[in-house]
Amino acid sequence: MKLIMKTEFDNLRLNDKHEYESDSNGDKQTVKIYCNDKLIAKKLQIKKSIRYFGIKEYKQYLTEEDQHA
């Protein structure tokens, strides 16, 4: 997985075709986004540090409004 922008992660999360789950464990929070049971992106938050990751081909899962990049 590689780092992606927050706006791209939000685009994937808000897509009705995708499912997501969140998990908290102490100071660590994880949000994973799936498309057809395939993990396509995740957000890791440890204390105040937040990182967004996407699979190599994550751009094919973005909705039209965010594919201008």
N, C-alpha and C. Protein backbone atom coordinates (compact mmCIF):
# COMPACT_ATOMS: atom_id res chain seq x y z
N MET A 1 0.84 -1.18 0.00
CA MET A 1 0.00 0.00 0.00
C MET A 1 0.89 1.25 0.00
N LYS A 2 0.33 2.31 -0.58
CA LYS A 2 1.08 3.56 -0.62
C LYS A 2 0.25 4.69 -0.03
N LEU A 3 0.92 5.76 0.37
CA LEU A 3 0.23 6.90 0.95
C LEU A 3 -0.67 7.57 -0.08
N ILE A 4 -1.87 7.96 0.35
CA ILE A 4 -2.80 8.69 -0.52
C ILE A 4 -3.28 9.92 0.23
N MET A 5 -3.94 10.83 -0.47
CA MET A 5 -4.45 12.05 0.16
C MET A 5 -5.76 11.76 0.92
N LYS A 6 -6.04 12.60 1.91
CA LYS A 6 -7.27 12.45 2.70
C LYS A 6 -8.50 12.56 1.81
N THR A 7 -8.50 13.46 0.84
CA THR A 7 -9.66 13.63 -0.03
C THR A 7 -9.92 12.36 -0.84
N GLU A 8 -8.86 11.69 -1.27
CA GLU A 8 -9.02 10.43 -2.01
C GLU A 8 -9.60 9.36 -1.09
N PHE A 9 -9.11 9.29 0.14
CA PHE A 9 -9.63 8.32 1.10
C PHE A 9 -11.11 8.57 1.36
N ASP A 10 -11.47 9.85 1.57
CA ASP A 10 -12.88 10.19 1.81
C ASP A 10 -13.76 9.82 0.62
N ASN A 11 -13.24 10.02 -0.58
CA ASN A 11 -13.97 9.66 -1.80
C ASN A 11 -14.27 8.16 -1.79
N LEU A 12 -13.29 7.36 -1.45
CA LEU A 12 -13.48 5.90 -1.40
C LEU A 12 -14.45 5.52 -0.29
N ARG A 13 -14.35 6.16 0.86
CA ARG A 13 -15.19 5.83 2.01
C ARG A 13 -16.65 6.20 1.77
N LEU A 14 -16.89 7.30 1.09
CA LEU A 14 -18.27 7.76 0.88
C LEU A 14 -18.97 7.09 -0.30
N ASN A 15 -18.26 6.29 -1.06
CA ASN A 15 -18.85 5.59 -2.19
C ASN A 15 -19.79 4.49 -1.67
N ASP A 16 -21.05 4.51 -2.12
CA ASP A 16 -22.03 3.53 -1.65
C ASP A 16 -21.68 2.10 -2.03
N LYS A 17 -20.85 1.90 -3.04
CA LYS A 17 -20.48 0.56 -3.48
C LYS A 17 -19.42 -0.06 -2.58
N HIS A 18 -18.81 0.74 -1.71
CA HIS A 18 -17.74 0.25 -0.85
C HIS A 18 -18.24 0.09 0.58
N GLU A 19 -17.63 -0.86 1.28
CA GLU A 19 -17.95 -1.09 2.68
C GLU A 19 -16.73 -0.69 3.50
N TYR A 20 -16.97 -0.27 4.74
CA TYR A 20 -15.83 0.02 5.59
C TYR A 20 -16.09 -0.43 7.01
N GLU A 21 -15.01 -0.66 7.73
CA GLU A 21 -15.11 -1.05 9.12
C GLU A 21 -14.05 -0.28 9.91
N SER A 22 -14.35 -0.01 11.16
CA SER A 22 -13.39 0.70 12.00
C SER A 22 -13.11 -0.12 13.25
N ASP A 23 -11.92 0.08 13.79
CA ASP A 23 -11.49 -0.66 14.96
C ASP A 23 -10.62 0.26 15.81
N SER A 24 -10.86 0.26 17.10
CA SER A 24 -10.06 1.06 18.02
C SER A 24 -9.42 0.14 19.05
N ASN A 25 -8.16 0.46 19.36
CA ASN A 25 -7.44 -0.30 20.35
C ASN A 25 -6.50 0.67 21.07
N GLY A 26 -6.95 1.21 22.19
CA GLY A 26 -6.14 2.18 22.91
C GLY A 26 -5.97 3.45 22.11
N ASP A 27 -4.72 3.83 21.84
CA ASP A 27 -4.42 5.05 21.08
C ASP A 27 -4.47 4.83 19.58
N LYS A 28 -4.68 3.61 19.13
CA LYS A 28 -4.65 3.29 17.70
C LYS A 28 -6.05 3.07 17.15
N GLN A 29 -6.37 3.74 16.04
CA GLN A 29 -7.65 3.56 15.37
C GLN A 29 -7.39 3.22 13.91
N THR A 30 -8.11 2.24 13.40
CA THR A 30 -7.96 1.82 12.02
C THR A 30 -9.32 1.83 11.33
N VAL A 31 -9.35 2.36 10.10
CA VAL A 31 -10.55 2.30 9.27
C VAL A 31 -10.13 1.63 7.96
N LYS A 32 -10.80 0.54 7.61
CA LYS A 32 -10.47 -0.19 6.38
C LYS A 32 -11.64 -0.11 5.42
N ILE A 33 -11.33 0.10 4.13
CA ILE A 33 -12.36 0.21 3.09
C ILE A 33 -12.22 -1.00 2.16
N TYR A 34 -13.35 -1.64 1.89
CA TYR A 34 -13.38 -2.83 1.05
C TYR A 34 -14.27 -2.62 -0.17
N CYS A 35 -13.90 -3.24 -1.26
CA CYS A 35 -14.76 -3.31 -2.44
C CYS A 35 -14.82 -4.78 -2.84
N ASN A 36 -16.00 -5.37 -2.76
CA ASN A 36 -16.18 -6.80 -3.04
C ASN A 36 -15.21 -7.65 -2.21
N ASP A 37 -15.15 -7.38 -0.93
CA ASP A 37 -14.30 -8.10 0.03
C ASP A 37 -12.80 -7.93 -0.22
N LYS A 38 -12.41 -6.99 -1.07
CA LYS A 38 -10.99 -6.71 -1.32
C LYS A 38 -10.62 -5.42 -0.62
N LEU A 39 -9.58 -5.46 0.22
CA LEU A 39 -9.13 -4.27 0.92
C LEU A 39 -8.52 -3.31 -0.09
N ILE A 40 -9.06 -2.09 -0.18
CA ILE A 40 -8.55 -1.12 -1.15
C ILE A 40 -7.90 0.09 -0.49
N ALA A 41 -8.24 0.37 0.77
CA ALA A 41 -7.64 1.52 1.45
C ALA A 41 -7.79 1.37 2.96
N LYS A 42 -6.92 2.08 3.68
CA LYS A 42 -7.06 2.10 5.13
C LYS A 42 -6.51 3.40 5.69
N LYS A 43 -7.05 3.75 6.86
CA LYS A 43 -6.60 4.94 7.59
C LYS A 43 -6.07 4.46 8.93
N LEU A 44 -4.86 4.89 9.26
CA LEU A 44 -4.27 4.56 10.55
C LEU A 44 -4.12 5.85 11.35
N GLN A 45 -4.66 5.84 12.55
CA GLN A 45 -4.51 6.99 13.43
C GLN A 45 -3.91 6.50 14.73
N ILE A 46 -2.70 6.99 15.03
CA ILE A 46 -2.03 6.66 16.29
C ILE A 46 -1.79 7.98 17.00
N LYS A 47 -2.48 8.16 18.11
CA LYS A 47 -2.50 9.43 18.83
C LYS A 47 -2.90 10.55 17.88
N LYS A 48 -2.03 11.50 17.57
CA LYS A 48 -2.40 12.62 16.69
C LYS A 48 -1.89 12.43 15.26
N SER A 49 -1.23 11.33 14.99
CA SER A 49 -0.71 11.05 13.64
C SER A 49 -1.75 10.29 12.83
N ILE A 50 -2.09 10.82 11.65
CA ILE A 50 -3.07 10.16 10.78
C ILE A 50 -2.42 9.93 9.41
N ARG A 51 -2.51 8.69 8.92
CA ARG A 51 -1.97 8.35 7.62
C ARG A 51 -3.03 7.59 6.83
N TYR A 52 -3.08 7.88 5.53
CA TYR A 52 -4.05 7.25 4.63
C TYR A 52 -3.28 6.42 3.61
N PHE A 53 -3.72 5.18 3.39
CA PHE A 53 -3.05 4.28 2.47
C PHE A 53 -4.04 3.72 1.46
N GLY A 54 -3.57 3.47 0.26
CA GLY A 54 -4.39 2.85 -0.77
C GLY A 54 -3.58 1.80 -1.50
N ILE A 55 -4.27 0.83 -2.09
CA ILE A 55 -3.57 -0.17 -2.89
C ILE A 55 -3.04 0.49 -4.16
N LYS A 56 -2.17 -0.19 -4.85
CA LYS A 56 -1.52 0.38 -6.04
C LYS A 56 -2.52 0.90 -7.06
N GLU A 57 -3.61 0.17 -7.28
CA GLU A 57 -4.60 0.57 -8.29
C GLU A 57 -5.83 1.24 -7.67
N TYR A 58 -5.66 1.95 -6.56
CA TYR A 58 -6.80 2.56 -5.87
C TYR A 58 -7.54 3.57 -6.73
N LYS A 59 -6.87 4.24 -7.67
CA LYS A 59 -7.52 5.29 -8.46
C LYS A 59 -8.68 4.77 -9.30
N GLN A 60 -8.67 3.49 -9.66
CA GLN A 60 -9.77 2.95 -10.45
C GLN A 60 -11.04 2.81 -9.60
N TYR A 61 -10.94 2.95 -8.29
CA TYR A 61 -12.12 2.85 -7.41
C TYR A 61 -12.68 4.22 -7.05
N LEU A 62 -12.01 5.31 -7.44
CA LEU A 62 -12.49 6.65 -7.13
C LEU A 62 -13.71 6.99 -7.97
N THR A 63 -14.60 7.84 -7.44
CA THR A 63 -15.73 8.30 -8.23
C THR A 63 -15.25 9.42 -9.15
N GLU A 64 -16.04 9.73 -10.16
CA GLU A 64 -15.66 10.68 -11.21
C GLU A 64 -15.17 12.02 -10.70
N GLU A 65 -15.81 12.57 -9.69
CA GLU A 65 -15.50 13.92 -9.26
C GLU A 65 -14.06 14.06 -8.74
N ASP A 66 -13.41 12.95 -8.38
CA ASP A 66 -12.07 13.03 -7.79
C ASP A 66 -10.99 12.49 -8.71
N GLN A 67 -11.31 12.18 -9.95
CA GLN A 67 -10.32 11.58 -10.85
C GLN A 67 -9.60 12.60 -11.72
N HIS A 68 -9.65 13.88 -11.38
CA HIS A 68 -8.99 14.90 -12.17
C HIS A 68 -7.49 14.92 -11.95
N ALA A 69 -6.99 14.26 -10.94
CA ALA A 69 -5.55 14.28 -10.63
C ALA A 69 -4.73 13.50 -11.64
